[in-house]
Structures are given as C-alpha cells and as structure tokens.
Amino acid sequence: MRIEQTPQYPFAITLGAMQSNSEKWVEEVGYRMGLDMKKAGVHLNLAPCADVNTNPDNPVIGYRSFGSDTAQVSKLALSAYKGMKKAGIGASELKAEELVPFQFGIDRGIEMIMVGHLAVPALTGGKEIAASISRELITDLLKGEMGFKGLVISDALNMKAVAKLFPIPGQLEWEAFRAGNDILCFSDHVPEGIQWISEHISDEEATLAFEKIQDLKRKLGVFDFQKLQVPHFDWAEHSNLQSKLAKEYIKVLRGQIEPASLEELARNGKLAHQVFFADEKTVFEHALDQKWGTRLSDYSVESAQKLIISVFVPSHKPLNQFGMDADSLTEIKELAKNKACILVHFGNPLALKHLGDLSDFEAVICAYQRFEEVQKIVPDLL
C-alpha cells in the first residue's frame, strides 16, 4: 500500500544495488519508515520481502526483492526488519517461498512471517497446494523443523489463487488456520470463517493463537492509546537521505563515459538529449542544461554526434513491458544501433531487457528510481 503525500523510499531492488555499507543504509531506511508509520498511527508493516529474485519474470516478487543473491537478501531483509523494530514497528518477513533468508531471520529472532500462495511441491510432499494453506509447510516445516515461534500470517485470502478452490464460505479460512496461520489476511467470509474454525479446534488452540497476537499488540503499544496529530515530516532531511542513498546505488552498468568529450560536444551543439515516457520537462533535463550551460533539447538528434537517451519507465510492474509502448521501444533500439548513444534508465532495472541489446549503447547508466534527488545526481556521472 502506498500512502500519498508521505515520504517515499527506494524499492528493495534499488537498495539491493547499493555499492557500500548496504546493511547500514537499509537499516536506516527501515528505521525512517518506522518513524513515519509511528507518526501515522501504524503499528505493523507487512514487510520486508525476504524472497530471492530467482525469476526476473515473476510479477509478484520483482522490485520487492533485494536481489538474486541469497546471502545478500538474507542480510538486507534482516537489516530492514531491525530498522523498523528499532522505531517500534512490528515487521513481517514476506513471503516464505525461499527458505534460506527466513531461517536466517528466524535464528535472529524475527517475530512474524507471511506465507504466500505459491505452490512449493518440493516442500509439501509433491502436493500442488498453496503454501499458505499447507500444514506440511507451515506447521511441520516452518514451526517444527525451522523452529519458528512467532506469528504466521497468511497472504490475502481474497486472492483468486486460493479463494476459487473453496466455494463454501468459511472453508478456506478454516484450511488456513488449520495449516498453522495465526492471522488470516483479507478474509471475504469472516463470520463463516469463525464458525468453521470454532467447530474444529479446541479452546487451547484458540487461546494459544489469541495470546500470541495479544502479546505482539502489547509489545507494539497498541493498547496504549494516544490521540494522533496530523503527522508532519522533515522533508529537507528526507531529501538529504534520498541524495545519500542515490549516490550509493546509481551506477554505470556498462561502457565508458568521457565527461570532457561530452562537455566539448555540448558546447559545439553536437550533443542531443531525447526523453522517453515523460509528459513534461524533467528535473534531469534542467540539470543537464545547468551542467553545460546549454539546452540540449534545442539540438536535433539527426545532426548530433552523440545522443543521451533518458528513459522514465512508466510502471515498476512488468505488465505490458512495464508500461512502455512498442513504438517507443522500437525507436530507442533503432537509435542505439545507428548513433552513439548513452542510455540513462530511471526505473525498475528489470525493464532494461525491453530496450534491446545493451551493447548497442555506448554506455548505460541505471538510476533505478525517478526521485528528483536521483535526477539531480545522475549528471555528475556524465
């Protein structure tokens, strides 16, 4: 969930690209997020995602994952968790499909895990059953073999992946509770679910789950009610943090950039700039104009010796090539093949695969995000 008019932070895939002190920075981001949530009256955050991005085409994980390296994901997910906990926010590592990061967190005391709906036959005795309703995975493996003592929360039960399997109202809720979930997320059939569960479990089982939830609420101060004021955020300090983070993750992915050569081309009117997927003049364009004291957009692409192509990826999700239309993608590919081009990519790095063969570009800069602070820093690499 995104809350408008509040500080926004880099995606996990962006934080996973930081080149130094990544654990320190991720913990700081988790802490700042936690403070923001506290101001807004939020006690629990169903994050971070501790899944490993083993499949770049997976639309569920993608930018939510810290990366494809298991060890790195384990450390950064725990760092984000520690940061939020330091701020007094409960956090849940999401979603148990890759085990190593979760065991890493369990061994270090995480309090909550969300279990996703994907089927993991290798962990459920060959059964094609959603992990979120698998007793073999949650009770036997997670709580038993892996030794998790905290709260388990299901993924959203209103999602069709599992909802369509149980047409009788309340049955899905019972299956999820029976599997070992303590909290059932987004149930469509609360009264029926309560009825099903109450008919199948003992008072001892119900009390155990209830006390675990109450204990977490006490730890998070849920019962210590305080009237909230409209939160005020330190936007200057947040911008300062964004700049520090951006300097750690913006990088040249390939190729060489010669700043002196670019400056000479700009002064002689031989360097042009073309923007894709931005409706108005960007902060990046203004920054380029200030850097070289000339408007690159005034120079024609045809007569330029070199072209800077900036791509502002419309969506962070992979649907429809991350929102990039086919004609524009074709134009970008043709430009890269026929002219010396430097690509500056503002957005999900997984979208780069739609821009053709990256070796066709003289150089590729991945900026990961389109925050204003990021757009102001990228020209320093040119």
Protein backbone atom coordinates (compact mmCIF):
# COMPACT_ATOMS: atom_id res chain seq x y z
CA MET A 1 0.00 0.00 0.00
CA ARG A 2 1.24 3.49 -0.84
CA ILE A 3 0.15 6.44 1.31
CA GLU A 4 0.14 9.66 -0.69
CA GLN A 5 1.84 12.87 0.48
CA THR A 6 4.23 11.00 2.73
CA PRO A 7 7.98 10.36 2.29
CA GLN A 8 8.68 7.73 -0.36
CA TYR A 9 11.67 5.39 -0.24
CA PRO A 10 13.62 3.38 -2.81
CA PHE A 11 12.38 -0.08 -3.75
CA ALA A 12 14.11 -3.11 -2.28
CA ILE A 13 15.66 -3.93 -5.66
CA THR A 14 17.22 -0.46 -5.60
CA LEU A 15 18.55 -0.79 -2.06
CA GLY A 16 20.00 -4.16 -3.03
CA ALA A 17 22.14 -2.39 -5.65
CA MET A 18 23.96 -0.16 -3.17
CA GLN A 19 27.69 -0.43 -3.55
CA SER A 20 28.88 0.08 0.04
CA ASN A 21 27.53 -0.11 3.60
CA SER A 22 24.28 -1.59 2.30
CA GLU A 23 23.24 -3.18 5.59
CA LYS A 24 23.72 0.11 7.44
CA TRP A 25 21.71 2.07 4.87
CA VAL A 26 18.89 -0.49 4.66
CA GLU A 27 18.54 -0.49 8.43
CA GLU A 28 18.42 3.32 8.35
CA VAL A 29 15.69 3.23 5.68
CA GLY A 30 13.73 0.71 7.77
CA TYR A 31 14.11 2.96 10.81
CA ARG A 32 12.96 6.09 8.93
CA MET A 33 9.99 4.19 7.50
CA GLY A 34 9.14 3.02 11.00
CA LEU A 35 9.20 6.55 12.38
CA ASP A 36 6.91 7.72 9.57
CA MET A 37 4.47 4.89 10.30
CA LYS A 38 4.51 5.67 14.01
CA LYS A 39 3.51 9.26 13.26
CA ALA A 40 0.60 7.99 11.16
CA GLY A 41 -0.62 5.56 13.82
CA VAL A 42 0.58 2.40 12.07
CA HIS A 43 1.92 -0.35 14.34
CA LEU A 44 2.63 -3.20 11.94
CA ASN A 45 4.23 -3.32 8.50
CA LEU A 46 3.95 -6.46 6.38
CA ALA A 47 7.47 -6.05 5.06
CA PRO A 48 10.27 -6.52 4.12
CA CYS A 49 10.17 -9.10 1.35
CA ALA A 50 12.74 -11.79 2.13
CA ASP A 51 12.30 -13.66 -1.14
CA VAL A 52 15.18 -14.19 -3.50
CA ASN A 53 14.55 -12.93 -7.04
CA THR A 54 15.41 -16.19 -8.78
CA ASN A 55 12.94 -15.49 -11.60
CA PRO A 56 13.12 -11.92 -13.01
CA ASP A 57 9.83 -12.52 -14.85
CA ASN A 58 7.93 -13.22 -11.62
CA PRO A 59 5.36 -10.38 -11.41
CA VAL A 60 4.79 -10.96 -7.69
CA ILE A 61 8.34 -10.51 -6.37
CA GLY A 62 10.28 -8.34 -8.83
CA TYR A 63 11.15 -4.93 -7.37
CA ARG A 64 10.10 -6.06 -3.87
CA SER A 65 13.15 -8.33 -3.57
CA PHE A 66 16.59 -7.14 -2.51
CA GLY A 67 18.12 -9.22 -5.31
CA SER A 68 19.12 -12.63 -6.59
CA ASP A 69 21.92 -13.39 -4.12
CA THR A 70 20.61 -15.46 -1.22
CA ALA A 71 23.16 -14.27 1.33
CA GLN A 72 22.63 -10.61 0.45
CA VAL A 73 18.83 -10.90 0.58
CA SER A 74 19.07 -12.58 3.98
CA LYS A 75 21.22 -9.80 5.44
CA LEU A 76 19.31 -6.88 3.93
CA ALA A 77 15.87 -8.24 4.83
CA LEU A 78 17.05 -8.61 8.43
CA SER A 79 18.52 -5.09 8.36
CA ALA A 80 15.20 -3.61 7.23
CA TYR A 81 13.40 -5.60 9.92
CA LYS A 82 15.83 -4.39 12.60
CA GLY A 83 15.37 -0.78 11.50
CA MET A 84 11.59 -0.93 11.74
CA LYS A 85 11.75 -2.73 15.07
CA LYS A 86 14.12 -0.03 16.39
CA ALA A 87 11.39 2.51 15.54
CA GLY A 88 8.82 0.48 17.47
CA ILE A 89 7.11 -1.04 14.43
CA GLY A 90 6.26 -4.71 14.10
CA ALA A 91 7.51 -6.20 10.86
CA SER A 92 6.88 -9.41 8.95
CA GLU A 93 9.27 -11.06 6.56
CA LEU A 94 7.38 -11.78 3.32
CA LYS A 95 6.67 -14.43 1.78
CA ALA A 96 8.03 -17.85 2.57
CA GLU A 97 8.97 -19.33 -0.81
CA GLU A 98 12.78 -19.38 -0.49
CA LEU A 99 13.87 -20.82 2.85
CA VAL A 100 17.42 -19.56 3.49
CA PRO A 101 16.58 -15.89 4.22
CA PHE A 102 13.77 -16.98 6.53
CA GLN A 103 15.95 -19.37 8.50
CA PHE A 104 18.49 -16.56 8.75
CA GLY A 105 15.79 -14.31 10.23
CA ILE A 106 14.32 -16.99 12.50
CA ASP A 107 17.72 -17.65 14.01
CA ARG A 108 17.93 -13.93 14.81
CA GLY A 109 14.53 -13.55 16.42
CA ILE A 110 12.06 -12.26 13.81
CA GLU A 111 8.53 -12.15 15.21
CA MET A 112 6.28 -12.62 12.18
CA ILE A 113 6.33 -14.32 8.78
CA MET A 114 3.79 -14.05 5.97
CA VAL A 115 3.30 -17.15 3.84
CA GLY A 116 2.47 -16.69 0.15
CA HIS A 117 0.10 -18.62 -2.10
CA LEU A 118 2.63 -20.17 -4.46
CA ALA A 119 2.77 -23.95 -4.57
CA VAL A 120 6.09 -25.46 -3.47
CA PRO A 121 5.75 -29.22 -4.19
CA ALA A 122 9.33 -29.86 -3.08
CA LEU A 123 8.34 -28.80 0.44
CA THR A 124 4.84 -30.27 0.57
CA GLY A 125 5.47 -33.90 -0.31
CA GLY A 126 4.82 -33.33 -4.00
CA LYS A 127 1.39 -31.79 -3.43
CA GLU A 128 0.30 -28.91 -5.68
CA ILE A 129 -1.09 -26.92 -2.77
CA ALA A 130 -0.70 -23.23 -1.94
CA ALA A 131 1.94 -22.75 0.75
CA SER A 132 -0.48 -20.53 2.68
CA ILE A 133 -2.83 -23.45 3.37
CA SER A 134 -0.25 -26.21 3.66
CA ARG A 135 0.06 -27.73 7.13
CA GLU A 136 3.15 -29.61 5.99
CA LEU A 137 4.89 -26.33 5.17
CA ILE A 138 3.67 -24.04 7.97
CA THR A 139 3.24 -26.31 10.99
CA ASP A 140 5.64 -29.16 10.21
CA LEU A 141 8.42 -27.28 8.43
CA LEU A 142 8.28 -23.62 9.48
CA LYS A 143 7.23 -24.10 13.09
CA GLY A 144 8.67 -27.58 13.54
CA GLU A 145 11.92 -28.13 11.67
CA MET A 146 12.87 -24.45 11.32
CA GLY A 147 11.90 -23.62 14.91
CA PHE A 148 9.80 -20.50 14.27
CA LYS A 149 7.96 -19.45 17.44
CA GLY A 150 6.41 -16.20 16.25
CA LEU A 151 3.21 -15.28 14.44
CA VAL A 152 2.38 -16.62 10.98
CA ILE A 153 0.10 -14.52 8.78
CA SER A 154 -1.48 -15.74 5.57
CA ASP A 155 -1.29 -13.89 2.29
CA ALA A 156 -4.57 -12.25 1.25
CA LEU A 157 -7.30 -14.89 1.29
CA ASN A 158 -9.42 -12.92 -1.17
CA MET A 159 -6.91 -13.66 -3.93
CA LYS A 160 -8.31 -15.98 -6.59
CA ALA A 161 -5.31 -18.33 -6.41
CA VAL A 162 -6.81 -19.88 -3.27
CA ALA A 163 -10.33 -18.38 -2.99
CA LYS A 164 -11.57 -20.22 -6.09
CA LEU A 165 -10.57 -23.57 -4.59
CA PHE A 166 -13.03 -23.32 -1.70
CA PRO A 167 -16.51 -22.22 -2.83
CA ILE A 168 -18.10 -22.91 0.58
CA PRO A 169 -17.87 -19.69 2.67
CA GLY A 170 -15.62 -20.22 5.69
CA GLN A 171 -13.87 -23.35 4.49
CA LEU A 172 -10.81 -21.50 3.18
CA GLU A 173 -10.45 -19.68 6.49
CA TRP A 174 -10.52 -22.99 8.33
CA GLU A 175 -7.94 -24.53 5.99
CA ALA A 176 -5.64 -21.54 6.50
CA PHE A 177 -5.97 -21.70 10.29
CA ARG A 178 -5.53 -25.47 10.31
CA ALA A 179 -2.34 -25.07 8.26
CA GLY A 180 -0.85 -23.01 11.09
CA ASN A 181 -1.64 -19.37 10.31
CA ASP A 182 -2.31 -17.26 13.39
CA ILE A 183 -3.66 -14.25 11.45
CA LEU A 184 -5.83 -14.56 8.35
CA CYS A 185 -5.35 -11.66 5.96
CA PHE A 186 -8.25 -10.22 3.91
CA SER A 187 -10.83 -12.87 4.52
CA ASP A 188 -14.01 -12.45 2.47
CA HIS A 189 -16.03 -14.60 4.86
CA VAL A 190 -15.26 -13.56 8.44
CA PRO A 191 -18.46 -14.78 10.21
CA GLU A 192 -18.45 -18.09 8.33
CA GLY A 193 -14.72 -18.49 8.93
CA ILE A 194 -15.17 -18.00 12.66
CA GLN A 195 -17.93 -20.60 12.64
CA TRP A 196 -15.85 -23.17 10.73
CA ILE A 197 -12.82 -22.66 12.94
CA SER A 198 -14.76 -22.73 16.22
CA GLU A 199 -16.34 -26.04 15.24
CA HIS A 200 -12.98 -27.71 14.53
CA ILE A 201 -10.50 -26.53 17.14
CA SER A 202 -10.06 -26.82 20.88
CA ASP A 203 -10.19 -23.91 23.30
CA GLU A 204 -6.48 -24.45 23.92
CA GLU A 205 -5.61 -23.93 20.25
CA ALA A 206 -7.72 -20.78 20.03
CA THR A 207 -6.23 -19.38 23.23
CA LEU A 208 -2.67 -20.01 22.04
CA ALA A 209 -3.18 -18.03 18.80
CA PHE A 210 -5.08 -15.30 20.65
CA GLU A 211 -2.38 -14.84 23.29
CA LYS A 212 0.37 -14.66 20.66
CA ILE A 213 -1.49 -11.85 18.91
CA GLN A 214 -2.24 -10.03 22.18
CA ASP A 215 1.40 -10.31 23.22
CA LEU A 216 2.56 -8.67 19.97
CA LYS A 217 -0.03 -5.90 20.40
CA ARG A 218 1.30 -5.21 23.91
CA LYS A 219 4.87 -5.05 22.61
CA LEU A 220 3.87 -2.58 19.91
CA GLY A 221 1.90 -0.35 22.26
CA VAL A 222 -1.43 -0.93 20.55
CA PHE A 223 -3.26 -0.78 23.88
CA ASP A 224 -1.52 2.44 24.93
CA PHE A 225 -3.90 4.67 23.02
CA GLN A 226 -2.74 8.18 22.27
CA LYS A 227 -4.65 10.72 20.22
CA LEU A 228 -2.81 11.30 16.94
CA GLN A 229 -1.97 14.64 15.44
CA VAL A 230 -1.73 15.16 11.69
CA PRO A 231 1.83 13.99 11.04
CA HIS A 232 4.48 16.46 9.94
CA PHE A 233 7.52 15.19 8.09
CA ASP A 234 11.01 16.64 7.87
CA TRP A 235 11.11 16.89 4.10
CA ALA A 236 14.55 18.53 3.99
CA GLU A 237 16.10 15.70 5.99
CA HIS A 238 14.28 13.12 3.89
CA SER A 239 15.67 14.72 0.72
CA ASN A 240 19.13 14.62 2.24
CA LEU A 241 18.73 10.88 2.90
CA GLN A 242 17.49 10.30 -0.66
CA SER A 243 20.60 12.01 -2.04
CA LYS A 244 22.93 9.93 0.12
CA LEU A 245 21.21 6.72 -0.92
CA ALA A 246 21.19 7.66 -4.61
CA LYS A 247 24.96 8.17 -4.61
CA GLU A 248 25.30 4.58 -3.42
CA TYR A 249 23.03 2.87 -5.96
CA ILE A 250 23.23 4.88 -9.21
CA LYS A 251 25.79 3.14 -11.36
CA VAL A 252 27.26 2.78 -14.84
CA LEU A 253 26.21 -0.74 -15.83
CA ARG A 254 28.35 -0.94 -18.93
CA GLY A 255 30.54 1.11 -21.24
CA GLN A 256 32.78 4.10 -20.68
CA ILE A 257 31.79 7.73 -20.20
CA GLU A 258 34.21 10.54 -21.06
CA PRO A 259 32.98 13.75 -19.35
CA ALA A 260 35.46 16.03 -21.14
CA SER A 261 34.36 14.77 -24.54
CA LEU A 262 30.68 15.21 -23.64
CA GLU A 263 31.30 18.78 -22.49
CA GLU A 264 33.03 19.67 -25.75
CA LEU A 265 30.21 18.15 -27.81
CA ALA A 266 27.62 20.04 -25.75
CA ARG A 267 29.40 23.39 -26.26
CA ASN A 268 29.62 22.77 -30.01
CA GLY A 269 25.98 21.79 -30.37
CA LYS A 270 26.82 18.18 -31.18
CA LEU A 271 25.26 16.54 -28.12
CA ALA A 272 21.50 16.00 -28.04
CA HIS A 273 19.09 14.61 -25.49
CA GLN A 274 15.86 12.72 -26.08
CA VAL A 275 13.40 11.80 -23.33
CA PHE A 276 11.03 8.84 -23.41
CA PHE A 277 7.91 8.30 -21.30
CA ALA A 278 7.87 11.71 -19.58
CA ASP A 279 4.97 14.09 -20.17
CA GLU A 280 6.76 17.29 -19.18
CA LYS A 281 10.27 18.64 -18.84
CA THR A 282 12.11 16.61 -16.25
CA VAL A 283 14.42 17.62 -13.42
CA PHE A 284 17.10 15.65 -15.25
CA GLU A 285 16.74 17.88 -18.34
CA HIS A 286 17.11 21.00 -16.22
CA ALA A 287 20.18 19.51 -14.52
CA LEU A 288 21.80 18.75 -17.88
CA ASP A 289 21.11 22.28 -19.12
CA GLN A 290 22.74 23.73 -16.00
CA LYS A 291 25.71 21.39 -16.21
CA TRP A 292 26.78 22.51 -19.68
CA GLY A 293 25.08 25.91 -19.87
CA THR A 294 23.13 24.98 -22.97
CA ARG A 295 19.76 23.46 -23.86
CA LEU A 296 20.46 20.02 -25.31
CA SER A 297 16.83 19.72 -26.36
CA ASP A 298 17.42 22.55 -28.85
CA TYR A 299 19.82 20.38 -30.86
CA SER A 300 18.44 17.94 -33.40
CA VAL A 301 19.01 14.25 -32.90
CA GLU A 302 19.85 13.84 -36.60
CA SER A 303 22.76 16.29 -36.61
CA ALA A 304 24.15 15.36 -33.20
CA GLN A 305 27.27 13.22 -32.96
CA LYS A 306 26.11 11.72 -29.69
CA LEU A 307 22.74 11.28 -28.02
CA ILE A 308 21.73 10.94 -24.39
CA ILE A 309 18.56 8.87 -24.13
CA SER A 310 16.71 9.12 -20.82
CA VAL A 311 14.00 6.55 -20.18
CA PHE A 312 11.49 7.18 -17.40
CA VAL A 313 9.91 3.74 -17.02
CA PRO A 314 6.15 4.29 -16.57
CA SER A 315 5.49 1.33 -14.28
CA HIS A 316 7.53 -0.69 -11.81
CA LYS A 317 5.45 -3.78 -12.66
CA PRO A 318 6.18 -5.94 -15.74
CA LEU A 319 2.71 -5.81 -17.32
CA ASN A 320 2.85 -4.53 -20.94
CA GLN A 321 6.62 -4.07 -20.94
CA PHE A 322 6.45 -2.02 -17.73
CA GLY A 323 4.02 0.33 -19.45
CA MET A 324 6.38 1.13 -22.37
CA ASP A 325 4.69 1.14 -25.77
CA ALA A 326 6.11 -0.91 -28.62
CA ASP A 327 6.69 2.02 -30.99
CA SER A 328 8.82 3.91 -28.49
CA LEU A 329 10.83 0.78 -27.68
CA THR A 330 11.48 0.24 -31.39
CA GLU A 331 12.63 3.86 -31.75
CA ILE A 332 15.05 3.50 -28.83
CA LYS A 333 16.54 0.33 -30.29
CA GLU A 334 16.99 1.92 -33.72
CA LEU A 335 18.66 4.99 -32.24
CA ALA A 336 21.12 2.81 -30.32
CA LYS A 337 22.04 0.88 -33.48
CA ASN A 338 22.54 3.94 -35.67
CA LYS A 339 24.10 6.56 -33.36
CA ALA A 340 26.46 6.77 -30.40
CA CYS A 341 24.00 6.75 -27.50
CA ILE A 342 24.23 6.90 -23.73
CA LEU A 343 21.21 5.34 -22.04
CA VAL A 344 20.06 6.71 -18.69
CA HIS A 345 17.46 4.39 -17.17
CA PHE A 346 15.16 5.83 -14.49
CA GLY A 347 13.12 2.93 -13.15
CA ASN A 348 12.97 -0.77 -12.40
CA PRO A 349 16.18 -2.33 -13.76
CA LEU A 350 14.24 -5.43 -14.78
CA ALA A 351 12.73 -3.29 -17.57
CA LEU A 352 16.12 -2.91 -19.25
CA LYS A 353 15.59 -6.17 -21.12
CA HIS A 354 12.93 -4.46 -23.25
CA LEU A 355 15.37 -1.83 -24.55
CA GLY A 356 17.23 -4.22 -26.83
CA ASP A 357 20.87 -5.30 -26.79
CA LEU A 358 22.54 -3.06 -24.21
CA SER A 359 25.87 -3.49 -26.02
CA ASP A 360 24.40 -1.29 -28.78
CA PHE A 361 24.66 1.65 -26.37
CA GLU A 362 27.97 3.39 -25.82
CA ALA A 363 27.21 3.35 -22.11
CA VAL A 364 24.30 2.50 -19.81
CA ILE A 365 23.55 4.26 -16.52
CA CYS A 366 20.95 2.69 -14.25
CA ALA A 367 19.39 5.21 -11.87
CA TYR A 368 16.76 2.77 -10.51
CA GLN A 369 14.33 5.49 -9.36
CA ARG A 370 12.94 8.75 -10.72
CA PHE A 371 13.11 10.76 -7.48
CA GLU A 372 14.14 14.38 -8.02
CA GLU A 373 17.28 13.82 -5.97
CA VAL A 374 18.25 10.99 -8.29
CA GLN A 375 17.72 13.12 -11.41
CA LYS A 376 19.95 15.84 -9.98
CA ILE A 377 22.79 13.41 -9.19
CA VAL A 378 22.95 11.46 -12.47
CA PRO A 379 24.56 14.34 -14.44
CA ASP A 380 27.59 14.03 -12.14
CA LEU A 381 28.37 10.77 -13.95
CA LEU A 382 28.32 12.45 -17.37
